Amino acid sequence: MLESNLKAVNDDVKKLIKDAQALFQAAAELSGEKAEEMRNRGMRLLDKAVLAAQDAQAGVRVAGKEMADSTESYIKENPWQAMATAASAGFLVGVILTKK
């Protein structure tokens, strides 16, 4: 589920960036040399934003995978403690929800 959400967000960001790039190009065609300079600057900023978003996404994926792996290892090593923790958390959530 997290994977599909990340993919949807990534696709939306890519579409938004492509639309912004098209807008910059259209603005440059309508104006003079100064607009061309601004368009180039905007394109460089968008390219940097794309790279930063891709780096952030890669970092989140790696961190998520590491967290899932460590959780899986803990549960395999301590199954009874994991069950007790899950039951306690479920009980607390149930108490909180029934009070409201």
C-alpha atoms as a PDB file:
ATOM      1  CA  MET A   1       0.000   0.000   0.000  1.00  0.00           C
ATOM      2  CA  LEU A   2       2.813   2.426   0.872  1.00  0.00           C
ATOM      3  CA  GLU A   3       4.525   1.512  -2.385  1.00  0.00           C
ATOM      4  CA  SER A   4       1.435   2.360  -4.438  1.00  0.00           C
ATOM      5  CA  ASN A   5       0.993   5.662  -2.581  1.00  0.00           C
ATOM      6  CA  LEU A   6       4.611   6.609  -3.244  1.00  0.00           C
ATOM      7  CA  LYS A   7       4.197   5.722  -6.911  1.00  0.00           C
ATOM      8  CA  ALA A   8       1.042   7.843  -7.177  1.00  0.00           C
ATOM      9  CA  VAL A   9       2.746  10.815  -5.523  1.00  0.00           C
ATOM     10  CA  ASN A  10       5.788  10.394  -7.725  1.00  0.00           C
ATOM     11  CA  ASP A  11       3.624  10.286 -10.869  1.00  0.00           C
ATOM     12  CA  ASP A  12       1.731  13.412  -9.754  1.00  0.00           C
ATOM     13  CA  VAL A  13       4.969  15.312  -9.112  1.00  0.00           C
ATOM     14  CA  LYS A  14       6.365  14.313 -12.507  1.00  0.00           C
ATOM     15  CA  LYS A  15       3.181  15.499 -14.227  1.00  0.00           C
ATOM     16  CA  LEU A  16       3.254  18.793 -12.338  1.00  0.00           C
ATOM     17  CA  ILE A  17       6.871  19.386 -13.298  1.00  0.00           C
ATOM     18  CA  LYS A  18       6.204  18.597 -16.954  1.00  0.00           C
ATOM     19  CA  ASP A  19       3.283  21.043 -16.939  1.00  0.00           C
ATOM     20  CA  ALA A  20       5.466  23.718 -15.353  1.00  0.00           C
ATOM     21  CA  GLN A  21       8.169  23.139 -17.946  1.00  0.00           C
ATOM     22  CA  ALA A  22       5.626  23.496 -20.741  1.00  0.00           C
ATOM     23  CA  LEU A  23       4.414  26.730 -19.165  1.00  0.00           C
ATOM     24  CA  PHE A  24       7.958  28.090 -19.017  1.00  0.00           C
ATOM     25  CA  GLN A  25       8.516  27.238 -22.665  1.00  0.00           C
ATOM     26  CA  ALA A  26       5.289  28.910 -23.707  1.00  0.00           C
ATOM     27  CA  ALA A  27       6.188  32.040 -21.729  1.00  0.00           C
ATOM     28  CA  ALA A  28       9.599  32.187 -23.381  1.00  0.00           C
ATOM     29  CA  GLU A  29       8.053  32.018 -26.852  1.00  0.00           C
ATOM     30  CA  LEU A  30       5.812  34.991 -26.099  1.00  0.00           C
ATOM     31  CA  SER A  31       8.506  37.315 -24.744  1.00  0.00           C
ATOM     32  CA  GLY A  32      12.013  38.468 -25.505  1.00  0.00           C
ATOM     33  CA  GLU A  33      15.540  37.691 -24.390  1.00  0.00           C
ATOM     34  CA  LYS A  34      14.899  38.449 -20.738  1.00  0.00           C
ATOM     35  CA  ALA A  35      12.107  35.849 -20.656  1.00  0.00           C
ATOM     36  CA  GLU A  36      14.455  33.275 -22.207  1.00  0.00           C
ATOM     37  CA  GLU A  37      16.954  33.883 -19.416  1.00  0.00           C
ATOM     38  CA  MET A  38      14.214  33.512 -16.792  1.00  0.00           C
ATOM     39  CA  ARG A  39      12.928  30.362 -18.464  1.00  0.00           C
ATOM     40  CA  ASN A  40      16.386  28.803 -18.394  1.00  0.00           C
ATOM     41  CA  ARG A  41      16.752  29.692 -14.735  1.00  0.00           C
ATOM     42  CA  GLY A  42      13.353  28.219 -13.955  1.00  0.00           C
ATOM     43  CA  MET A  43      14.181  25.040 -15.870  1.00  0.00           C
ATOM     44  CA  ARG A  44      17.408  24.614 -13.886  1.00  0.00           C
ATOM     45  CA  LEU A  45      15.478  25.045 -10.645  1.00  0.00           C
ATOM     46  CA  LEU A  46      12.888  22.489 -11.737  1.00  0.00           C
ATOM     47  CA  ASP A  47      15.624  20.034 -12.676  1.00  0.00           C
ATOM     48  CA  LYS A  48      17.177  20.466  -9.227  1.00  0.00           C
ATOM     49  CA  ALA A  49      13.766  19.920  -7.637  1.00  0.00           C
ATOM     50  CA  VAL A  50      13.281  16.708  -9.593  1.00  0.00           C
ATOM     51  CA  LEU A  51      16.673  15.389  -8.510  1.00  0.00           C
ATOM     52  CA  ALA A  52      16.015  16.332  -4.889  1.00  0.00           C
ATOM     53  CA  ALA A  53      12.609  14.621  -4.963  1.00  0.00           C
ATOM     54  CA  GLN A  54      14.124  11.478  -6.464  1.00  0.00           C
ATOM     55  CA  ASP A  55      16.878  11.439  -3.827  1.00  0.00           C
ATOM     56  CA  ALA A  56      14.325  11.901  -1.053  1.00  0.00           C
ATOM     57  CA  GLN A  57      12.170   9.122  -2.428  1.00  0.00           C
ATOM     58  CA  ALA A  58      15.145   6.763  -2.641  1.00  0.00           C
ATOM     59  CA  GLY A  59      16.100   7.599   0.942  1.00  0.00           C
ATOM     60  CA  VAL A  60      12.585   6.952   2.191  1.00  0.00           C
ATOM     61  CA  ARG A  61      12.445   3.618   0.417  1.00  0.00           C
ATOM     62  CA  VAL A  62      15.763   2.512   1.904  1.00  0.00           C
ATOM     63  CA  ALA A  63      14.739   3.639   5.397  1.00  0.00           C
ATOM     64  CA  GLY A  64      11.371   1.919   5.090  1.00  0.00           C
ATOM     65  CA  LYS A  65      12.945  -1.319   3.954  1.00  0.00           C
ATOM     66  CA  GLU A  66      15.464  -1.221   6.810  1.00  0.00           C
ATOM     67  CA  MET A  67      12.698  -0.559   9.328  1.00  0.00           C
ATOM     68  CA  ALA A  68      10.591  -3.411   7.949  1.00  0.00           C
ATOM     69  CA  ASP A  69      13.578  -5.762   8.058  1.00  0.00           C
ATOM     70  CA  SER A  70      14.438  -4.853  11.652  1.00  0.00           C
ATOM     71  CA  THR A  71      10.795  -5.240  12.711  1.00  0.00           C
ATOM     72  CA  GLU A  72      10.618  -8.638  11.047  1.00  0.00           C
ATOM     73  CA  SER A  73      13.828  -9.744  12.768  1.00  0.00           C
ATOM     74  CA  TYR A  74      12.557  -8.573  16.168  1.00  0.00           C
ATOM     75  CA  ILE A  75       9.249 -10.379  15.727  1.00  0.00           C
ATOM     76  CA  LYS A  76      11.001 -13.601  14.726  1.00  0.00           C
ATOM     77  CA  GLU A  77      13.337 -13.383  17.722  1.00  0.00           C
ATOM     78  CA  ASN A  78      10.641 -12.311  20.234  1.00  0.00           C
ATOM     79  CA  PRO A  79       7.256 -13.609  19.075  1.00  0.00           C
ATOM     80  CA  TRP A  80       5.557 -13.514  22.503  1.00  0.00           C
ATOM     81  CA  GLN A  81       6.728  -9.991  23.285  1.00  0.00           C
ATOM     82  CA  ALA A  82       5.585  -8.844  19.841  1.00  0.00           C
ATOM     83  CA  MET A  83       2.137 -10.373  20.415  1.00  0.00           C
ATOM     84  CA  ALA A  84       1.871  -8.770  23.863  1.00  0.00           C
ATOM     85  CA  THR A  85       2.902  -5.394  22.466  1.00  0.00           C
ATOM     86  CA  ALA A  86       0.394  -5.628  19.619  1.00  0.00           C
ATOM     87  CA  ALA A  87      -2.396  -6.684  22.004  1.00  0.00           C
ATOM     88  CA  SER A  88      -1.565  -3.821  24.383  1.00  0.00           C
ATOM     89  CA  ALA A  89      -1.557  -1.295  21.561  1.00  0.00           C
ATOM     90  CA  GLY A  90      -4.868  -2.645  20.290  1.00  0.00           C
ATOM     91  CA  PHE A  91      -6.367  -2.453  23.791  1.00  0.00           C
ATOM     92  CA  LEU A  92      -5.208   1.170  24.230  1.00  0.00           C
ATOM     93  CA  VAL A  93      -6.603   2.191  20.834  1.00  0.00           C
ATOM     94  CA  GLY A  94      -9.886   0.492  21.711  1.00  0.00           C
ATOM     95  CA  VAL A  95     -10.101   2.324  25.047  1.00  0.00           C
ATOM     96  CA  ILE A  96      -9.341   5.664  23.416  1.00  0.00           C
ATOM     97  CA  LEU A  97     -11.896   5.155  20.657  1.00  0.00           C
ATOM     98  CA  THR A  98     -14.661   4.052  23.019  1.00  0.00           C
ATOM     99  CA  LYS A  99     -14.162   7.112  25.271  1.00  0.00           C
ATOM    100  CA  LYS A 100     -14.916   9.442  22.376  1.00  0.00           C
END
